[in-house]
PDB file of all heavy atoms in Angstrom:
ATOM      1  N   LEU A   1       9.482  -6.455   7.623  1.00  0.00           N
ATOM      2  CA  LEU A   1      10.240  -7.705   7.598  1.00  0.00           C
ATOM      3  C   LEU A   1       9.759  -8.605   6.471  1.00  0.00           C
ATOM      4  O   LEU A   1      10.561  -9.187   5.743  1.00  0.00           O
ATOM      5  CB  LEU A   1      10.128  -8.431   8.940  1.00  0.00           C
ATOM      6  CG  LEU A   1      10.859  -7.782  10.121  1.00  0.00           C
ATOM      7  CD1 LEU A   1      10.527  -8.517  11.415  1.00  0.00           C
ATOM      8  CD2 LEU A   1      12.352  -7.775   9.876  1.00  0.00           C
ATOM      9  N   GLY A   2       8.427  -8.699   6.328  1.00  0.00           N
ATOM     10  CA  GLY A   2       7.857  -9.515   5.256  1.00  0.00           C
ATOM     11  C   GLY A   2       8.273  -9.018   3.887  1.00  0.00           C
ATOM     12  O   GLY A   2       8.595  -9.807   3.001  1.00  0.00           O
ATOM     13  N   ALA A   3       8.288  -7.714   3.712  1.00  0.00           N
ATOM     14  CA  ALA A   3       8.694  -7.129   2.433  1.00  0.00           C
ATOM     15  C   ALA A   3      10.159  -7.421   2.148  1.00  0.00           C
ATOM     16  O   ALA A   3      10.537  -7.699   1.013  1.00  0.00           O
ATOM     17  CB  ALA A   3       8.442  -5.633   2.432  1.00  0.00           C
ATOM     18  N   GLY A   4      10.970  -7.376   3.199  1.00  0.00           N
ATOM     19  CA  GLY A   4      12.397  -7.680   3.032  1.00  0.00           C
ATOM     20  C   GLY A   4      12.612  -9.105   2.577  1.00  0.00           C
ATOM     21  O   GLY A   4      13.387  -9.364   1.653  1.00  0.00           O
ATOM     22  N   PHE A   5      11.910 -10.048   3.185  1.00  0.00           N
ATOM     23  CA  PHE A   5      12.028 -11.451   2.788  1.00  0.00           C
ATOM     24  C   PHE A   5      11.452 -11.677   1.394  1.00  0.00           C
ATOM     25  O   PHE A   5      12.023 -12.405   0.588  1.00  0.00           O
ATOM     26  CB  PHE A   5      11.327 -12.373   3.791  1.00  0.00           C
ATOM     27  CG  PHE A   5      12.040 -12.461   5.119  1.00  0.00           C
ATOM     28  CD1 PHE A   5      11.332 -12.297   6.297  1.00  0.00           C
ATOM     29  CD2 PHE A   5      13.397 -12.703   5.204  1.00  0.00           C
ATOM     30  CE1 PHE A   5      11.973 -12.371   7.526  1.00  0.00           C
ATOM     31  CE2 PHE A   5      14.058 -12.779   6.418  1.00  0.00           C
ATOM     32  CZ  PHE A   5      13.342 -12.614   7.587  1.00  0.00           C
ATOM     33  N   LYS A   6      10.335 -11.050   1.107  1.00  0.00           N
ATOM     34  CA  LYS A   6       9.680 -11.215  -0.195  1.00  0.00           C
ATOM     35  C   LYS A   6      10.566 -10.674  -1.309  1.00  0.00           C
ATOM     36  O   LYS A   6      10.571 -11.211  -2.416  1.00  0.00           O
ATOM     37  CB  LYS A   6       8.329 -10.501  -0.186  1.00  0.00           C
ATOM     38  CG  LYS A   6       7.481 -10.775  -1.382  1.00  0.00           C
ATOM     39  CD  LYS A   6       6.965 -12.196  -1.345  1.00  0.00           C
ATOM     40  CE  LYS A   6       5.881 -12.363  -2.371  1.00  0.00           C
ATOM     41  NZ  LYS A   6       5.254 -13.661  -2.298  1.00  0.00           N
ATOM     42  N   SER A   7      11.320  -9.629  -1.037  1.00  0.00           N
ATOM     43  CA  SER A   7      12.179  -9.047  -2.067  1.00  0.00           C
ATOM     44  C   SER A   7      13.278 -10.018  -2.498  1.00  0.00           C
ATOM     45  O   SER A   7      13.824  -9.889  -3.584  1.00  0.00           O
ATOM     46  CB  SER A   7      12.783  -7.731  -1.590  1.00  0.00           C
ATOM     47  OG  SER A   7      13.712  -7.956  -0.559  1.00  0.00           O
ATOM     48  N   LEU A   8      13.576 -10.993  -1.655  1.00  0.00           N
ATOM     49  CA  LEU A   8      14.587 -11.990  -2.009  1.00  0.00           C
ATOM     50  C   LEU A   8      14.088 -12.943  -3.099  1.00  0.00           C
ATOM     51  O   LEU A   8      14.874 -13.400  -3.926  1.00  0.00           O
ATOM     52  CB  LEU A   8      14.996 -12.799  -0.776  1.00  0.00           C
ATOM     53  CG  LEU A   8      15.694 -12.019   0.343  1.00  0.00           C
ATOM     54  CD1 LEU A   8      15.891 -12.920   1.559  1.00  0.00           C
ATOM     55  CD2 LEU A   8      17.020 -11.457  -0.136  1.00  0.00           C
ATOM     56  N   VAL A   9      12.782 -13.226  -3.100  1.00  0.00           N
ATOM     57  CA  VAL A   9      12.241 -14.195  -4.052  1.00  0.00           C
ATOM     58  C   VAL A   9      11.338 -13.559  -5.100  1.00  0.00           C
ATOM     59  O   VAL A   9      10.989 -14.194  -6.077  1.00  0.00           O
ATOM     60  CB  VAL A   9      11.470 -15.326  -3.323  1.00  0.00           C
ATOM     61  CG1 VAL A   9      12.405 -16.140  -2.462  1.00  0.00           C
ATOM     62  CG2 VAL A   9      10.331 -14.774  -2.501  1.00  0.00           C
ATOM     63  N   GLY A  10      10.942 -12.329  -4.894  1.00  0.00           N
ATOM     64  CA  GLY A  10      10.076 -11.628  -5.847  1.00  0.00           C
ATOM     65  C   GLY A  10       8.604 -11.878  -5.580  1.00  0.00           C
ATOM     66  O   GLY A  10       8.236 -12.756  -4.810  1.00  0.00           O
ATOM     67  N   GLY A  11       7.762 -11.106  -6.205  1.00  0.00           N
ATOM     68  CA  GLY A  11       6.322 -11.248  -6.055  1.00  0.00           C
ATOM     69  C   GLY A  11       5.690 -10.017  -5.445  1.00  0.00           C
ATOM     70  O   GLY A  11       6.379  -9.089  -5.005  1.00  0.00           O
ATOM     71  N   GLU A  12       4.359 -10.028  -5.406  1.00  0.00           N
ATOM     72  CA  GLU A  12       3.616  -8.888  -4.883  1.00  0.00           C
ATOM     73  C   GLU A  12       3.759  -8.787  -3.374  1.00  0.00           C
ATOM     74  O   GLU A  12       3.693  -9.783  -2.663  1.00  0.00           O
ATOM     75  CB  GLU A  12       2.128  -9.021  -5.225  1.00  0.00           C
ATOM     76  CG  GLU A  12       1.314  -7.849  -4.725  1.00  0.00           C
ATOM     77  CD  GLU A  12      -0.171  -7.974  -4.984  1.00  0.00           C
ATOM     78  OE1 GLU A  12      -0.614  -9.036  -5.454  1.00  0.00           O
ATOM     79  OE2 GLU A  12      -0.884  -7.000  -4.721  1.00  0.00           O
ATOM     80  N   LEU A  13       3.926  -7.568  -2.898  1.00  0.00           N
ATOM     81  CA  LEU A  13       3.952  -7.283  -1.465  1.00  0.00           C
ATOM     82  C   LEU A  13       2.531  -6.893  -1.072  1.00  0.00           C
ATOM     83  O   LEU A  13       2.158  -5.722  -1.122  1.00  0.00           O
ATOM     84  CB  LEU A  13       4.945  -6.163  -1.159  1.00  0.00           C
ATOM     85  CG  LEU A  13       6.374  -6.398  -1.648  1.00  0.00           C
ATOM     86  CD1 LEU A  13       7.223  -5.160  -1.412  1.00  0.00           C
ATOM     87  CD2 LEU A  13       6.965  -7.604  -0.956  1.00  0.00           C
ATOM     88  N   LYS A  14       1.721  -7.877  -0.724  1.00  0.00           N
ATOM     89  CA  LYS A  14       0.288  -7.651  -0.520  1.00  0.00           C
ATOM     90  C   LYS A  14       0.010  -6.657   0.603  1.00  0.00           C
ATOM     91  O   LYS A  14      -0.911  -5.862   0.505  1.00  0.00           O
ATOM     92  CB  LYS A  14      -0.426  -8.970  -0.268  1.00  0.00           C
ATOM     93  CG  LYS A  14      -0.427  -9.825  -1.514  1.00  0.00           C
ATOM     94  CD  LYS A  14      -1.198 -11.096  -1.360  1.00  0.00           C
ATOM     95  CE  LYS A  14      -1.059 -11.858  -2.671  1.00  0.00           C
ATOM     96  NZ  LYS A  14      -1.922 -12.976  -2.778  1.00  0.00           N
ATOM     97  N   GLY A  15       0.790  -6.680   1.660  1.00  0.00           N
ATOM     98  CA  GLY A  15       0.601  -5.717   2.739  1.00  0.00           C
ATOM     99  C   GLY A  15       0.854  -4.297   2.271  1.00  0.00           C
ATOM    100  O   GLY A  15       0.135  -3.364   2.639  1.00  0.00           O
ATOM    101  N   MET A  16       1.864  -4.128   1.440  1.00  0.00           N
ATOM    102  CA  MET A  16       2.180  -2.807   0.897  1.00  0.00           C
ATOM    103  C   MET A  16       1.105  -2.353  -0.086  1.00  0.00           C
ATOM    104  O   MET A  16       0.724  -1.188  -0.104  1.00  0.00           O
ATOM    105  CB  MET A  16       3.544  -2.831   0.198  1.00  0.00           C
ATOM    106  CG  MET A  16       4.681  -3.269   1.104  1.00  0.00           C
ATOM    107  SD  MET A  16       4.909  -2.156   2.479  1.00  0.00           S
ATOM    108  CE  MET A  16       5.697  -0.820   1.657  1.00  0.00           C
ATOM    109  N   THR A  17       0.613  -3.270  -0.906  1.00  0.00           N
ATOM    110  CA  THR A  17      -0.456  -2.947  -1.846  1.00  0.00           C
ATOM    111  C   THR A  17      -1.693  -2.482  -1.085  1.00  0.00           C
ATOM    112  O   THR A  17      -2.310  -1.470  -1.445  1.00  0.00           O
ATOM    113  CB  THR A  17      -0.803  -4.171  -2.717  1.00  0.00           C
ATOM    114  OG1 THR A  17       0.355  -4.545  -3.463  1.00  0.00           O
ATOM    115  CG2 THR A  17      -1.947  -3.866  -3.671  1.00  0.00           C
ATOM    116  N   LYS A  18      -2.045  -3.200  -0.031  1.00  0.00           N
ATOM    117  CA  LYS A  18      -3.206  -2.826   0.779  1.00  0.00           C
ATOM    118  C   LYS A  18      -3.018  -1.433   1.382  1.00  0.00           C
ATOM    119  O   LYS A  18      -3.935  -0.616   1.386  1.00  0.00           O
ATOM    120  CB  LYS A  18      -3.416  -3.866   1.885  1.00  0.00           C
ATOM    121  CG  LYS A  18      -4.623  -3.614   2.738  1.00  0.00           C
ATOM    122  CD  LYS A  18      -4.789  -4.708   3.797  1.00  0.00           C
ATOM    123  CE  LYS A  18      -5.959  -4.398   4.697  1.00  0.00           C
ATOM    124  NZ  LYS A  18      -6.119  -5.381   5.753  1.00  0.00           N
ATOM    125  N   MET A  19      -1.813  -1.150   1.881  1.00  0.00           N
ATOM    126  CA  MET A  19      -1.535   0.153   2.471  1.00  0.00           C
ATOM    127  C   MET A  19      -1.670   1.264   1.423  1.00  0.00           C
ATOM    128  O   MET A  19      -2.229   2.328   1.699  1.00  0.00           O
ATOM    129  CB  MET A  19      -0.138   0.183   3.092  1.00  0.00           C
ATOM    130  CG  MET A  19       0.165   1.488   3.822  1.00  0.00           C
ATOM    131  SD  MET A  19       1.785   1.536   4.608  1.00  0.00           S
ATOM    132  CE  MET A  19       2.839   1.774   3.204  1.00  0.00           C
ATOM    133  N   LEU A  20      -1.191   1.028   0.206  1.00  0.00           N
ATOM    134  CA  LEU A  20      -1.289   2.042  -0.844  1.00  0.00           C
ATOM    135  C   LEU A  20      -2.734   2.290  -1.252  1.00  0.00           C
ATOM    136  O   LEU A  20      -3.130   3.435  -1.481  1.00  0.00           O
ATOM    137  CB  LEU A  20      -0.460   1.626  -2.065  1.00  0.00           C
ATOM    138  CG  LEU A  20       1.048   1.789  -1.898  1.00  0.00           C
ATOM    139  CD1 LEU A  20       1.785   1.155  -3.069  1.00  0.00           C
ATOM    140  CD2 LEU A  20       1.416   3.251  -1.778  1.00  0.00           C
ATOM    141  N   VAL A  21      -3.523   1.234  -1.341  1.00  0.00           N
ATOM    142  CA  VAL A  21      -4.940   1.395  -1.679  1.00  0.00           C
ATOM    143  C   VAL A  21      -5.644   2.217  -0.599  1.00  0.00           C
ATOM    144  O   VAL A  21      -6.414   3.140  -0.897  1.00  0.00           O
ATOM    145  CB  VAL A  21      -5.624   0.023  -1.869  1.00  0.00           C
ATOM    146  CG1 VAL A  21      -7.136   0.160  -1.941  1.00  0.00           C
ATOM    147  CG2 VAL A  21      -5.092  -0.664  -3.111  1.00  0.00           C
ATOM    148  N   GLN A  22      -5.376   1.908   0.669  1.00  0.00           N
ATOM    149  CA  GLN A  22      -5.970   2.664   1.771  1.00  0.00           C
ATOM    150  C   GLN A  22      -5.514   4.125   1.731  1.00  0.00           C
ATOM    151  O   GLN A  22      -6.310   5.035   1.968  1.00  0.00           O
ATOM    152  CB  GLN A  22      -5.598   2.043   3.112  1.00  0.00           C
ATOM    153  CG  GLN A  22      -6.259   0.713   3.374  1.00  0.00           C
ATOM    154  CD  GLN A  22      -5.696   0.011   4.614  1.00  0.00           C
ATOM    155  OE1 GLN A  22      -4.602   0.320   5.075  1.00  0.00           O
ATOM    156  NE2 GLN A  22      -6.462  -0.933   5.134  1.00  0.00           N
ATOM    157  N   SER A  23      -4.251   4.344   1.426  1.00  0.00           N
ATOM    158  CA  SER A  23      -3.719   5.708   1.358  1.00  0.00           C
ATOM    159  C   SER A  23      -4.376   6.505   0.243  1.00  0.00           C
ATOM    160  O   SER A  23      -4.739   7.672   0.421  1.00  0.00           O
ATOM    161  CB  SER A  23      -2.207   5.677   1.140  1.00  0.00           C
ATOM    162  OG  SER A  23      -1.554   5.132   2.255  1.00  0.00           O
ATOM    163  N   ARG A  24      -4.543   5.891  -0.922  1.00  0.00           N
ATOM    164  CA  ARG A  24      -5.196   6.588  -2.043  1.00  0.00           C
ATOM    165  C   ARG A  24      -6.621   6.972  -1.684  1.00  0.00           C
ATOM    166  O   ARG A  24      -7.058   8.091  -1.946  1.00  0.00           O
ATOM    167  CB  ARG A  24      -5.201   5.704  -3.293  1.00  0.00           C
ATOM    168  CG  ARG A  24      -3.891   5.677  -4.028  1.00  0.00           C
ATOM    169  CD  ARG A  24      -3.975   4.755  -5.222  1.00  0.00           C
ATOM    170  NE  ARG A  24      -4.962   5.207  -6.180  1.00  0.00           N
ATOM    171  CZ  ARG A  24      -4.685   5.659  -7.395  1.00  0.00           C
ATOM    172  NH1 ARG A  24      -3.444   5.718  -7.809  1.00  0.00           N
ATOM    173  NH2 ARG A  24      -5.641   6.048  -8.210  1.00  0.00           N
ATOM    174  N   THR A  25      -7.345   6.032  -1.087  1.00  0.00           N
ATOM    175  CA  THR A  25      -8.733   6.287  -0.709  1.00  0.00           C
ATOM    176  C   THR A  25      -8.817   7.414   0.308  1.00  0.00           C
ATOM    177  O   THR A  25      -9.645   8.325   0.184  1.00  0.00           O
ATOM    178  CB  THR A  25      -9.376   5.001  -0.153  1.00  0.00           C
ATOM    179  OG1 THR A  25      -9.328   3.988  -1.166  1.00  0.00           O
ATOM    180  CG2 THR A  25     -10.812   5.232   0.269  1.00  0.00           C
ATOM    181  N   GLU A  26      -7.950   7.375   1.307  1.00  0.00           N
ATOM    182  CA  GLU A  26      -7.959   8.407   2.347  1.00  0.00           C
ATOM    183  C   GLU A  26      -7.592   9.776   1.765  1.00  0.00           C
ATOM    184  O   GLU A  26      -8.231  10.781   2.070  1.00  0.00           O
ATOM    185  CB  GLU A  26      -6.992   8.029   3.460  1.00  0.00           C
ATOM    186  CG  GLU A  26      -7.122   8.890   4.690  1.00  0.00           C
ATOM    187  CD  GLU A  26      -6.336   8.305   5.855  1.00  0.00           C
ATOM    188  OE1 GLU A  26      -6.840   7.373   6.494  1.00  0.00           O
ATOM    189  OE2 GLU A  26      -5.212   8.786   6.087  1.00  0.00           O
ATOM    190  N   ALA A  27      -6.573   9.823   0.914  1.00  0.00           N
ATOM    191  CA  ALA A  27      -6.163  11.088   0.304  1.00  0.00           C
ATOM    192  C   ALA A  27      -7.276  11.639  -0.588  1.00  0.00           C
ATOM    193  O   ALA A  27      -7.559  12.844  -0.578  1.00  0.00           O
ATOM    194  CB  ALA A  27      -4.877  10.892  -0.506  1.00  0.00           C
ATOM    195  N   GLN A  28      -7.957  10.763  -1.326  1.00  0.00           N
ATOM    196  CA  GLN A  28      -9.045  11.196  -2.204  1.00  0.00           C
ATOM    197  C   GLN A  28     -10.227  11.709  -1.389  1.00  0.00           C
ATOM    198  O   GLN A  28     -10.842  12.726  -1.749  1.00  0.00           O
ATOM    199  CB  GLN A  28      -9.464  10.025  -3.084  1.00  0.00           C
ATOM    200  CG  GLN A  28     -10.189  10.419  -4.315  1.00  0.00           C
ATOM    201  CD  GLN A  28     -10.323   9.245  -5.272  1.00  0.00           C
ATOM    202  OE1 GLN A  28     -10.003   8.099  -4.960  1.00  0.00           O
ATOM    203  NE2 GLN A  28     -10.802   9.528  -6.455  1.00  0.00           N
ATOM    204  N   ASP A  29     -10.544  11.040  -0.289  1.00  0.00           N
ATOM    205  CA  ASP A  29     -11.626  11.502   0.593  1.00  0.00           C
ATOM    206  C   ASP A  29     -11.304  12.880   1.167  1.00  0.00           C
ATOM    207  O   ASP A  29     -12.166  13.757   1.225  1.00  0.00           O
ATOM    208  CB  ASP A  29     -11.871  10.509   1.729  1.00  0.00           C
ATOM    209  CG  ASP A  29     -12.508   9.203   1.270  1.00  0.00           C
ATOM    210  OD1 ASP A  29     -13.005   9.138   0.121  1.00  0.00           O
ATOM    211  OD2 ASP A  29     -12.489   8.236   2.055  1.00  0.00           O
ATOM    212  N   ARG A  30     -10.067  13.077   1.588  1.00  0.00           N
ATOM    213  CA  ARG A  30      -9.653  14.371   2.140  1.00  0.00           C
ATOM    214  C   ARG A  30      -9.672  15.460   1.070  1.00  0.00           C
ATOM    215  O   ARG A  30      -9.984  16.619   1.343  1.00  0.00           O
ATOM    216  CB  ARG A  30      -8.282  14.258   2.791  1.00  0.00           C
ATOM    217  CG  ARG A  30      -8.341  13.442   4.067  1.00  0.00           C
ATOM    218  CD  ARG A  30      -7.004  13.286   4.714  1.00  0.00           C
ATOM    219  NE  ARG A  30      -7.144  12.516   5.939  1.00  0.00           N
ATOM    220  CZ  ARG A  30      -6.131  12.130   6.693  1.00  0.00           C
ATOM    221  NH1 ARG A  30      -4.887  12.461   6.361  1.00  0.00           N
ATOM    222  NH2 ARG A  30      -6.343  11.426   7.784  1.00  0.00           N
ATOM    223  N   LEU A  31      -9.336  15.090  -0.157  1.00  0.00           N
ATOM    224  CA  LEU A  31      -9.391  16.024  -1.279  1.00  0.00           C
ATOM    225  C   LEU A  31     -10.828  16.500  -1.489  1.00  0.00           C
ATOM    226  O   LEU A  31     -11.085  17.700  -1.623  1.00  0.00           O
ATOM    227  CB  LEU A  31      -8.871  15.342  -2.542  1.00  0.00           C
ATOM    228  CG  LEU A  31      -8.975  16.128  -3.846  1.00  0.00           C
ATOM    229  CD1 LEU A  31      -8.058  17.346  -3.811  1.00  0.00           C
ATOM    230  CD2 LEU A  31      -8.650  15.235  -5.025  1.00  0.00           C
ATOM    231  N   ALA A  32     -11.773  15.566  -1.495  1.00  0.00           N
ATOM    232  CA  ALA A  32     -13.184  15.920  -1.668  1.00  0.00           C
ATOM    233  C   ALA A  32     -13.663  16.810  -0.529  1.00  0.00           C
ATOM    234  O   ALA A  32     -14.399  17.782  -0.758  1.00  0.00           O
ATOM    235  CB  ALA A  32     -14.038  14.653  -1.762  1.00  0.00           C
ATOM    236  N   GLU A  33     -13.250  16.522   0.695  1.00  0.00           N
ATOM    237  CA  GLU A  33     -13.620  17.353   1.847  1.00  0.00           C
ATOM    238  C   GLU A  33     -13.084  18.775   1.685  1.00  0.00           C
ATOM    239  O   GLU A  33     -13.781  19.748   1.987  1.00  0.00           O
ATOM    240  CB  GLU A  33     -13.083  16.746   3.140  1.00  0.00           C
ATOM    241  CG  GLU A  33     -13.790  15.474   3.569  1.00  0.00           C
ATOM    242  CD  GLU A  33     -13.080  14.767   4.723  1.00  0.00           C
ATOM    243  OE1 GLU A  33     -12.139  15.356   5.325  1.00  0.00           O
ATOM    244  OE2 GLU A  33     -13.455  13.613   5.010  1.00  0.00           O
ATOM    245  N   ALA A  34     -11.857  18.897   1.204  1.00  0.00           N
ATOM    246  CA  ALA A  34     -11.255  20.223   1.014  1.00  0.00           C
ATOM    247  C   ALA A  34     -12.015  21.010  -0.052  1.00  0.00           C
ATOM    248  O   ALA A  34     -12.241  22.217   0.101  1.00  0.00           O
ATOM    249  CB  ALA A  34      -9.780  20.089   0.634  1.00  0.00           C
TER     250      ALA A  34
END
């Protein structure tokens, strides 16, 4: 919902940025484990 409202006015989607950073870290950790 926040992203939908933010898209009306523009700017960084901080919740989405945080999720992507967490995803990259988790994927990289799993890569190292493999």
